[in-house]
């Protein structure tokens, strides 16, 4: 396979950069660091687009430490992946939202195949120290995090992890592509990655349909390519086996995976724990998660870093709704809790991110996603509460635009009243306790644009605007 000549291990990549270092030093001026302390506070930031005549960018995910946002931008007629070092991006501005630095906030990581579609869905934490910053010359040598996603070469799609910064002088060898299983449709995508960037999960195709996979970057074949291990999801109690499967989320340590798979009657959400990754097939302990009573399908899309709370959606008699799954303290079994939606009459909502916020007076869980409302087909939502089945009269569910407006953040951030925040796609709680939310929406100019909310309130919301 010709594309395999471009695939290198992390060690080889690092070696290439070390060899090239003298030449790089000659070609590039010394890096200019951003201010050591990024602006802090509760703000809405617009993330703009990559360089060029683009009018559509979407943030599709955020790292667990809240340092890296990833997504895609529409370039002519295809999507192209990007990465954003959030602290750096904010620090390059004057500290007053809205941030709108165009290329300066989005690193184009689709450069390895500039005329082919690509998208980044998730990212590792900042596992290494960024090697430098170069704002004046727009080299954007950020590094430190490893985004994952998908990229197309011709008619073949590969799962991909970008391991090192994308530099003009090192445009190859900074990524690892995962080929298909063979015999099916070449359509691979990595949807999530462990905190250290070593374990990837995603979905590919076999002749009978989609099949989830787990890949360990340390386990490679003769061509030094990571081996995607297919996952067969069989419930440990009922022995029901899903006909197909998709992996959407992985725990921070890479040992718990969640997603969904098909049955004769519709999709079912699942969670599975890796008991032994050295066996063939890999040894798993799986649970097909329950649906809301009267529902016909369920899908899982996110989990807390420890993998103990799963978020997604479940169908119900009132329509599909955002939900969470957790193990009941009394029965020791997985249960489902519906979160409702922004439209009380006809539910249509989904949860795409969930975090712990220990000690919060509005509940120790925070969920983000989107929902149909009385005004729009999709509006970003925020729910807070506790993992209990009964209503404990704590927490809230609002659309994010309403929250920003009523708390005064929209005005303080020059957000204005014409933004429509369509989807919240990810949420993180950094080591410093700051909550960050990412997503995309319709900007005042009528285009689709990525956005970021920093410093989201940990406890009760204070509405200061009528």
Protein backbone atom coordinates (compact mmCIF):
# COMPACT_ATOMS: atom_id res chain seq x y z
CA UNK A 1 0.00 0.00 0.00
CA UNK A 2 1.59 3.28 -1.12
CA UNK A 3 0.23 5.26 1.77
CA UNK A 4 2.13 3.08 4.21
CA UNK A 5 5.40 4.66 3.08
CA UNK A 6 4.18 7.77 4.91
CA UNK A 7 3.39 5.94 8.13
CA UNK A 8 6.01 6.16 10.82
CA UNK A 9 6.17 5.31 14.48
CA UNK A 10 6.41 7.92 17.17
CA UNK A 11 10.07 7.12 17.65
CA UNK A 12 10.87 7.52 13.96
CA UNK A 13 8.90 10.77 13.87
CA UNK A 14 10.90 12.15 16.76
CA UNK A 15 14.13 11.05 15.12
CA UNK A 16 13.22 12.84 11.90
CA UNK A 17 12.55 16.03 13.76
CA UNK A 18 15.86 15.78 15.62
CA UNK A 19 17.74 15.26 12.38
CA UNK A 20 15.91 18.15 10.77
CA UNK A 21 16.38 20.44 13.77
CA UNK A 22 19.49 22.28 12.46
CA UNK A 23 17.74 23.12 9.17
CA UNK A 24 14.59 24.19 10.99
CA UNK A 25 16.62 26.55 13.17
CA UNK A 26 17.96 28.25 10.05
CA UNK A 27 14.58 28.58 8.38
CA UNK A 28 12.60 29.81 11.39
CA UNK A 29 13.17 32.75 13.73
CA UNK A 30 13.17 32.08 17.49
CA UNK A 31 9.63 31.28 18.71
CA UNK A 32 7.62 34.00 20.39
CA UNK A 33 5.87 32.80 23.51
CA UNK A 34 2.39 34.05 24.41
CA UNK A 35 1.79 35.73 27.76
CA UNK A 36 2.50 33.19 30.55
CA UNK A 37 -0.96 33.61 32.10
CA UNK A 38 -3.89 33.38 29.65
CA UNK A 39 -6.92 35.54 30.29
CA UNK A 40 -9.21 33.90 32.83
CA UNK A 41 -12.93 34.29 33.23
CA UNK A 42 -16.40 33.39 32.05
CA UNK A 43 -16.47 34.34 28.37
CA UNK A 44 -17.83 33.36 24.98
CA UNK A 45 -15.16 33.21 22.28
CA UNK A 46 -15.67 32.87 18.55
CA UNK A 47 -12.99 30.71 16.95
CA UNK A 48 -13.26 31.90 13.35
CA UNK A 49 -12.00 29.84 10.44
CA UNK A 50 -8.74 28.75 8.88
CA UNK A 51 -7.01 30.93 6.33
CA UNK A 52 -8.88 31.39 3.05
CA UNK A 53 -12.43 32.09 1.84
CA UNK A 54 -14.11 29.73 4.30
CA UNK A 55 -17.40 30.36 6.02
CA UNK A 56 -18.03 27.14 7.93
CA UNK A 57 -16.03 25.78 10.88
CA UNK A 58 -17.11 23.38 13.61
CA UNK A 59 -15.53 22.43 16.93
CA UNK A 60 -16.09 18.68 17.24
CA UNK A 61 -14.33 17.91 20.49
CA UNK A 62 -12.13 19.05 23.39
CA UNK A 63 -9.41 17.26 25.34
CA UNK A 64 -10.09 16.17 28.91
CA UNK A 65 -7.68 18.77 30.29
CA UNK A 66 -9.47 21.53 28.36
CA UNK A 67 -6.29 22.59 26.58
CA UNK A 68 -7.00 21.47 23.00
CA UNK A 69 -10.03 21.97 20.76
CA UNK A 70 -10.36 20.09 17.48
CA UNK A 71 -12.75 20.15 14.55
CA UNK A 72 -13.12 20.72 10.85
CA UNK A 73 -13.58 23.61 8.45
CA UNK A 74 -15.35 23.51 5.11
CA UNK A 75 -12.79 24.22 2.37
CA UNK A 76 -14.55 24.71 -0.96
CA UNK A 77 -16.55 21.47 -0.94
CA UNK A 78 -14.82 19.22 1.63
CA UNK A 79 -14.02 19.28 5.34
CA UNK A 80 -10.46 19.80 6.60
CA UNK A 81 -9.22 18.99 10.12
CA UNK A 82 -7.84 21.56 12.56
CA UNK A 83 -6.44 21.78 16.09
CA UNK A 84 -6.50 24.75 18.45
CA UNK A 85 -4.29 25.28 21.51
CA UNK A 86 -6.93 27.08 23.57
CA UNK A 87 -4.71 28.82 26.13
CA UNK A 88 -2.37 30.02 23.41
CA UNK A 89 -5.22 31.22 21.20
CA UNK A 90 -6.76 33.27 23.99
CA UNK A 91 -3.39 34.70 25.01
CA UNK A 92 -2.65 35.96 21.48
CA UNK A 93 -5.68 38.23 21.67
CA UNK A 94 -5.91 41.41 23.74
CA UNK A 95 -7.68 39.49 26.49
CA UNK A 96 -11.10 40.85 25.60
CA UNK A 97 -13.53 38.63 23.67
CA UNK A 98 -14.52 38.06 20.97
CA UNK A 99 -11.41 36.28 19.78
CA UNK A 100 -11.30 36.27 16.00
CA UNK A 101 -7.75 35.72 14.76
CA UNK A 102 -8.54 33.56 11.72
CA UNK A 103 -5.54 31.29 10.95
CA UNK A 104 -3.88 32.28 14.21
CA UNK A 105 -6.22 30.13 16.30
CA UNK A 106 -6.63 27.05 14.09
CA UNK A 107 -3.72 24.87 13.06
CA UNK A 108 -4.50 23.22 9.72
CA UNK A 109 -3.70 19.55 10.33
CA UNK A 110 -5.37 18.52 7.09
CA UNK A 111 -2.21 19.70 5.34
CA UNK A 112 -0.97 16.11 4.91
CA UNK A 113 -3.69 15.60 2.27
CA UNK A 114 -4.73 19.15 1.35
CA UNK A 115 -7.21 18.19 -1.34
CA UNK A 116 -8.87 15.37 0.56
CA UNK A 117 -11.50 15.42 3.35
CA UNK A 118 -10.41 15.12 6.98
CA UNK A 119 -11.87 15.78 10.43
CA UNK A 120 -10.59 15.69 14.03
CA UNK A 121 -13.02 14.40 16.66
CA UNK A 122 -11.02 14.23 19.90
CA UNK A 123 -7.59 14.85 21.37
CA UNK A 124 -5.25 13.56 24.04
CA UNK A 125 -4.26 15.81 26.92
CA UNK A 126 -1.16 17.99 26.70
CA UNK A 127 1.13 15.01 27.25
CA UNK A 128 4.35 16.88 26.42
CA UNK A 129 5.50 20.46 26.69
CA UNK A 130 4.72 22.44 23.52
CA UNK A 131 7.96 23.00 21.61
CA UNK A 132 7.40 26.67 20.88
CA UNK A 133 5.07 29.29 19.46
CA UNK A 134 5.57 31.44 16.42
CA UNK A 135 2.70 33.86 15.97
CA UNK A 136 4.46 36.45 13.72
CA UNK A 137 5.40 33.84 11.13
CA UNK A 138 2.31 31.66 11.61
CA UNK A 139 4.32 28.45 11.85
CA UNK A 140 2.08 27.41 14.77
CA UNK A 141 4.44 24.82 16.25
CA UNK A 142 2.09 23.94 19.11
CA UNK A 143 2.50 20.28 19.81
CA UNK A 144 1.87 18.66 23.16
CA UNK A 145 -1.47 17.06 22.21
CA UNK A 146 -2.45 14.32 19.79
CA UNK A 147 -5.75 14.78 17.90
CA UNK A 148 -7.52 11.83 16.29
CA UNK A 149 -10.03 11.54 13.48
CA UNK A 150 -10.33 10.44 9.90
CA UNK A 151 -8.70 11.32 6.60
CA UNK A 152 -9.42 10.28 3.02
CA UNK A 153 -6.88 9.37 0.39
CA UNK A 154 -8.55 8.89 -2.98
CA UNK A 155 -11.55 6.70 -2.21
CA UNK A 156 -10.07 5.17 0.96
CA UNK A 157 -10.65 6.58 4.46
CA UNK A 158 -8.19 5.93 7.27
CA UNK A 159 -8.29 6.40 11.00
CA UNK A 160 -5.56 8.85 11.98
CA UNK A 161 -3.67 10.27 14.93
CA UNK A 162 -1.65 13.45 14.51
CA UNK A 163 1.33 12.97 16.83
CA UNK A 164 3.60 15.95 16.28
CA UNK A 165 3.13 19.57 15.17
CA UNK A 166 2.48 20.13 11.49
CA UNK A 167 5.39 22.17 10.13
CA UNK A 168 5.98 23.35 6.59
CA UNK A 169 9.36 21.64 6.59
CA UNK A 170 8.14 18.41 8.21
CA UNK A 171 4.81 17.77 6.52
CA UNK A 172 5.20 13.99 6.61
CA UNK A 173 5.97 11.67 9.48
CA UNK A 174 3.93 13.58 12.03
CA UNK A 175 0.93 11.27 11.90
CA UNK A 176 -0.08 7.63 11.99
CA UNK A 177 -2.77 6.22 9.70
CA UNK A 178 -4.75 3.09 10.54
CA UNK A 179 -5.90 1.07 7.50
CA UNK A 180 -9.14 -0.86 7.22
CA UNK A 181 -9.73 -4.44 8.32
CA UNK A 182 -9.63 -5.75 4.77
CA UNK A 183 -12.52 -7.17 2.77
CA UNK A 184 -14.98 -4.43 3.65
CA UNK A 185 -15.60 -0.79 2.86
CA UNK A 186 -12.52 1.36 3.47
CA UNK A 187 -14.14 3.78 5.89
CA UNK A 188 -12.15 4.08 9.13
CA UNK A 189 -12.53 6.79 11.76
CA UNK A 190 -10.96 7.25 15.19
CA UNK A 191 -13.58 8.83 17.45
CA UNK A 192 -11.76 9.06 20.81
CA UNK A 193 -8.34 8.65 22.40
CA UNK A 194 -6.99 7.98 25.89
CA UNK A 195 -5.52 10.86 27.88
CA UNK A 196 -1.95 9.87 26.99
CA UNK A 197 -2.70 9.37 23.29
CA UNK A 198 -1.79 5.68 23.28
CA UNK A 199 -5.21 3.97 22.96
CA UNK A 200 -7.50 4.80 20.03
CA UNK A 201 -11.10 3.69 19.54
CA UNK A 202 -13.32 4.07 16.54
CA UNK A 203 -15.23 2.36 13.78
CA UNK A 204 -14.49 0.61 10.52
CA UNK A 205 -16.35 -1.71 8.19
CA UNK A 206 -16.45 -5.41 7.50
CA UNK A 207 -18.56 -7.12 4.87
CA UNK A 208 -21.50 -7.32 7.24
CA UNK A 209 -21.39 -3.70 8.39
CA UNK A 210 -19.75 -1.46 10.98
CA UNK A 211 -17.39 -2.91 13.56
CA UNK A 212 -15.88 -1.03 16.52
CA UNK A 213 -12.14 -1.24 17.11
CA UNK A 214 -9.48 -0.53 19.72
CA UNK A 215 -5.89 0.15 18.70
CA UNK A 216 -2.83 0.34 20.94
CA UNK A 217 -0.11 2.57 19.45
CA UNK A 218 2.51 0.27 21.00
CA UNK A 219 1.19 -2.82 19.18
CA UNK A 220 2.11 -2.66 15.49
CA UNK A 221 2.42 -4.97 12.51
CA UNK A 222 5.49 -5.68 10.36
CA UNK A 223 5.05 -2.33 8.62
CA UNK A 224 4.99 -0.52 11.99
CA UNK A 225 1.28 0.25 11.63
CA UNK A 226 -0.99 0.01 14.71
CA UNK A 227 -3.31 -2.98 14.57
CA UNK A 228 -7.02 -2.16 14.93
CA UNK A 229 -8.53 -4.94 17.03
CA UNK A 230 -12.19 -5.55 16.26
CA UNK A 231 -14.60 -5.59 19.18
CA UNK A 232 -17.40 -8.14 19.44
CA UNK A 233 -19.98 -6.84 21.90
CA UNK A 234 -21.81 -9.60 23.78
CA UNK A 235 -23.75 -8.86 26.93
CA UNK A 236 -22.15 -10.73 29.84
CA UNK A 237 -25.51 -11.68 31.36
CA UNK A 238 -27.98 -12.16 28.53
CA UNK A 239 -25.33 -13.26 25.99
CA UNK A 240 -27.03 -11.06 23.37
CA UNK A 241 -24.50 -10.10 20.68
CA UNK A 242 -24.79 -6.87 18.72
CA UNK A 243 -24.85 -7.42 14.97
CA UNK A 244 -22.69 -4.36 14.29
CA UNK A 245 -20.89 -1.91 16.56
CA UNK A 246 -19.43 1.59 16.69
CA UNK A 247 -17.02 2.89 19.37
CA UNK A 248 -17.63 6.54 20.30
CA UNK A 249 -15.86 7.11 23.63
CA UNK A 250 -13.04 5.71 25.74
CA UNK A 251 -12.03 6.28 29.35
CA UNK A 252 -8.92 8.30 30.17
CA UNK A 253 -6.92 5.09 30.77
CA UNK A 254 -8.16 3.43 27.57
CA UNK A 255 -9.77 0.46 29.34
CA UNK A 256 -13.52 1.25 29.12
CA UNK A 257 -15.28 1.83 25.78
CA UNK A 258 -18.82 2.97 24.98
CA UNK A 259 -20.82 3.29 21.80
CA UNK A 260 -23.71 1.55 20.11
CA UNK A 261 -24.52 -1.37 17.88
CA UNK A 262 -27.42 -2.78 15.92
CA UNK A 263 -30.02 -5.41 16.67
CA UNK A 264 -32.98 -6.56 14.61
CA UNK A 265 -35.14 -3.92 16.28
CA UNK A 266 -32.76 -0.95 16.34
CA UNK A 267 -29.52 0.38 17.81
CA UNK A 268 -28.56 -0.33 21.41
CA UNK A 269 -26.03 1.51 23.55
CA UNK A 270 -23.26 -0.50 25.19
CA UNK A 271 -20.32 -0.18 27.57
CA UNK A 272 -17.44 -2.65 27.66
CA UNK A 273 -14.36 -3.12 29.80
CA UNK A 274 -11.09 -4.55 28.47
CA UNK A 275 -10.12 -7.49 30.67
CA UNK A 276 -7.19 -8.75 28.59
CA UNK A 277 -5.93 -6.95 25.49
CA UNK A 278 -3.38 -9.67 24.64
CA UNK A 279 -5.89 -12.39 23.75
CA UNK A 280 -7.32 -13.03 20.29
CA UNK A 281 -10.09 -11.98 20.22
CA UNK A 282 -9.59 -9.33 22.89
CA UNK A 283 -11.28 -10.31 26.18
CA UNK A 284 -14.13 -7.94 27.07
CA UNK A 285 -16.85 -7.71 29.67
CA UNK A 286 -19.77 -5.98 27.99
CA UNK A 287 -23.17 -4.65 28.99
CA UNK A 288 -25.90 -3.70 26.57
CA UNK A 289 -27.36 -0.65 28.27
CA UNK A 290 -31.08 -0.28 29.02
CA UNK A 291 -33.42 2.04 27.12
CA UNK A 292 -36.02 4.41 28.51
CA UNK A 293 -39.30 2.53 28.89
CA UNK A 294 -41.20 2.41 25.59
CA UNK A 295 -38.14 3.38 23.56
CA UNK A 296 -36.96 1.57 20.45
CA UNK A 297 -33.26 2.46 20.34
CA UNK A 298 -30.39 3.98 22.31
CA UNK A 299 -26.88 5.25 21.49
CA UNK A 300 -23.92 6.21 23.71
CA UNK A 301 -21.57 9.04 22.68
CA UNK A 302 -19.54 10.17 25.70
CA UNK A 303 -18.33 9.20 29.16
CA UNK A 304 -16.69 10.66 32.23
CA UNK A 305 -12.89 10.19 32.38
CA UNK A 306 -13.28 7.15 34.66
CA UNK A 307 -15.90 5.56 32.39
CA UNK A 308 -18.49 5.20 35.16
CA UNK A 309 -21.05 7.62 33.71
CA UNK A 310 -22.13 7.22 30.07
CA UNK A 311 -24.03 9.87 28.09
CA UNK A 312 -25.99 9.71 24.84
CA UNK A 313 -29.62 9.40 23.90
CA UNK A 314 -32.50 6.97 24.22
CA UNK A 315 -35.76 6.85 22.38
CA UNK A 316 -38.90 7.26 24.49
CA UNK A 317 -42.66 7.55 23.93
CA UNK A 318 -42.18 11.33 23.69
CA UNK A 319 -39.27 11.03 21.26
CA UNK A 320 -35.49 10.60 21.55
CA UNK A 321 -33.97 12.38 24.52
CA UNK A 322 -30.57 13.03 26.05
CA UNK A 323 -29.79 10.57 28.83
CA UNK A 324 -27.11 9.23 31.14
CA UNK A 325 -26.35 5.69 32.28
CA UNK A 326 -24.81 4.73 35.62
CA UNK A 327 -24.64 1.79 38.00
CA UNK A 328 -27.37 1.88 40.65
CA UNK A 329 -25.94 1.74 44.16
CA UNK A 330 -28.69 -0.59 45.37
CA UNK A 331 -29.02 -3.13 42.55
CA UNK A 332 -25.48 -2.92 41.18
CA UNK A 333 -26.95 -2.81 37.66
CA UNK A 334 -26.73 -0.21 34.92
CA UNK A 335 -29.77 2.09 34.77
CA UNK A 336 -30.81 4.91 32.44
CA UNK A 337 -31.98 8.41 33.37
CA UNK A 338 -33.70 10.57 30.76
CA UNK A 339 -32.75 14.26 30.86
CA UNK A 340 -35.57 15.61 28.72
CA UNK A 341 -35.06 18.38 26.17
CA UNK A 342 -35.63 22.04 25.42
CA UNK A 343 -39.00 21.31 23.84
CA UNK A 344 -41.39 19.79 26.37
CA UNK A 345 -43.96 18.64 23.81
CA UNK A 346 -41.88 16.74 21.24
CA UNK A 347 -38.52 15.59 22.60
CA UNK A 348 -35.52 15.43 20.31
CA UNK A 349 -32.23 15.83 22.19
CA UNK A 350 -28.83 14.17 22.60
CA UNK A 351 -25.97 14.33 25.09
CA UNK A 352 -22.45 14.61 23.63
CA UNK A 353 -20.31 15.36 26.69
CA UNK A 354 -20.35 14.69 30.45
CA UNK A 355 -18.02 15.63 33.33
CA UNK A 356 -17.87 15.39 37.10
CA UNK A 357 -18.00 18.58 39.15
CA UNK A 358 -17.54 17.30 42.72
CA UNK A 359 -19.21 19.39 45.40
CA UNK A 360 -21.27 21.56 43.04
CA UNK A 361 -24.52 22.71 44.66
CA UNK A 362 -26.36 22.18 41.36
CA UNK A 363 -25.32 18.55 41.03
CA UNK A 364 -22.07 16.71 40.58
CA UNK A 365 -22.65 15.98 36.89
CA UNK A 366 -22.72 18.37 33.96
CA UNK A 367 -23.94 17.27 30.53
CA UNK A 368 -23.82 19.16 27.24
CA UNK A 369 -25.40 18.42 23.88
CA UNK A 370 -28.20 19.79 21.76
CA UNK A 371 -31.95 19.68 21.49
CA UNK A 372 -34.85 20.71 19.32
CA UNK A 373 -36.53 23.80 20.75
CA UNK A 374 -39.64 25.81 19.96
CA UNK A 375 -37.48 28.05 17.75
CA UNK A 376 -34.81 25.87 16.16
CA UNK A 377 -34.16 22.30 15.10
CA UNK A 378 -30.93 22.31 17.15
CA UNK A 379 -29.87 24.41 20.13
CA UNK A 380 -26.92 23.77 22.43
CA UNK A 381 -28.05 22.62 25.89
CA UNK A 382 -26.53 22.34 29.36
CA UNK A 383 -27.91 20.02 32.06
CA UNK A 384 -26.66 19.71 35.63
CA UNK A 385 -27.76 17.25 38.28
CA UNK A 386 -26.89 13.99 40.02
CA UNK A 387 -26.76 10.35 38.89
CA UNK A 388 -30.01 9.36 40.59
CA UNK A 389 -33.19 8.02 39.03
CA UNK A 390 -35.63 10.08 41.07
CA UNK A 391 -35.97 13.82 40.52
CA UNK A 392 -33.94 15.42 43.29
CA UNK A 393 -34.99 19.01 42.50
CA UNK A 394 -31.45 20.14 41.97
CA UNK A 395 -29.70 21.44 38.90
CA UNK A 396 -31.18 22.72 35.66
CA UNK A 397 -31.50 22.36 31.89
CA UNK A 398 -31.30 25.47 29.71
CA UNK A 399 -30.18 26.31 26.23
CA UNK A 400 -26.65 27.72 26.39
CA UNK A 401 -27.50 30.89 24.49
CA UNK A 402 -30.12 31.73 27.13
CA UNK A 403 -27.57 31.13 29.90
CA UNK A 404 -24.97 33.38 28.29
CA UNK A 405 -27.51 36.12 27.71
CA UNK A 406 -29.07 36.07 31.18
CA UNK A 407 -25.75 35.91 33.03
CA UNK A 408 -24.45 38.92 31.09
CA UNK A 409 -21.65 36.99 29.40
CA UNK A 410 -23.04 37.55 25.91
CA UNK A 411 -22.85 41.30 26.41
CA UNK A 412 -19.43 41.19 28.08
CA UNK A 413 -18.10 39.03 25.25
CA UNK A 414 -19.63 41.16 22.45
CA UNK A 415 -21.55 38.06 21.42
CA UNK A 416 -24.65 40.01 20.48
CA UNK A 417 -28.15 38.67 20.07
CA UNK A 418 -27.89 37.18 16.58
CA UNK A 419 -25.85 34.07 17.37
CA UNK A 420 -27.62 30.69 17.29
CA UNK A 421 -25.60 28.14 19.26
CA UNK A 422 -26.63 24.98 17.42
CA UNK A 423 -24.56 22.24 19.05
CA UNK A 424 -22.40 21.85 22.14
CA UNK A 425 -20.06 19.01 21.17
CA UNK A 426 -17.76 18.67 24.16
CA UNK A 427 -17.04 19.73 27.73
CA UNK A 428 -14.01 19.50 30.02
CA UNK A 429 -13.02 20.24 33.60
CA UNK A 430 -9.34 21.12 33.71
CA UNK A 431 -6.94 20.52 36.57
CA UNK A 432 -7.45 24.14 37.60
CA UNK A 433 -11.21 23.51 37.99
CA UNK A 434 -12.21 25.58 34.96
CA UNK A 435 -15.14 24.26 32.93
CA UNK A 436 -14.89 24.76 29.17
CA UNK A 437 -17.53 23.99 26.53
CA UNK A 438 -17.03 23.82 22.76
CA UNK A 439 -19.39 23.59 19.82
CA UNK A 440 -20.57 25.38 16.73
CA UNK A 441 -23.38 27.65 15.68
CA UNK A 442 -24.71 30.21 13.23
CA UNK A 443 -22.89 33.52 13.58
CA UNK A 444 -24.34 37.02 13.00
CA UNK A 445 -23.00 36.95 9.44
CA UNK A 446 -25.06 33.84 8.67
CA UNK A 447 -22.12 31.43 8.49
CA UNK A 448 -21.34 28.34 10.55
CA UNK A 449 -18.59 29.03 13.08
CA UNK A 450 -16.79 27.22 15.90
CA UNK A 451 -17.08 28.67 19.40
CA UNK A 452 -15.72 28.22 22.91
CA UNK A 453 -17.04 29.08 26.39
CA UNK A 454 -14.46 29.41 29.17
CA UNK A 455 -14.95 29.59 32.92
CA UNK A 456 -18.50 28.26 32.88
CA UNK A 457 -20.00 28.62 36.42
CA UNK A 458 -19.29 25.70 38.72
CA UNK A 459 -22.30 26.27 40.93
CA UNK A 460 -25.56 28.23 40.65
CA UNK A 461 -26.18 30.52 37.70
CA UNK A 462 -26.67 34.18 38.52
CA UNK A 463 -29.07 35.82 36.07
CA UNK A 464 -28.35 39.53 36.02
CA UNK A 465 -30.20 40.37 32.80
CA UNK A 466 -33.98 40.62 32.47
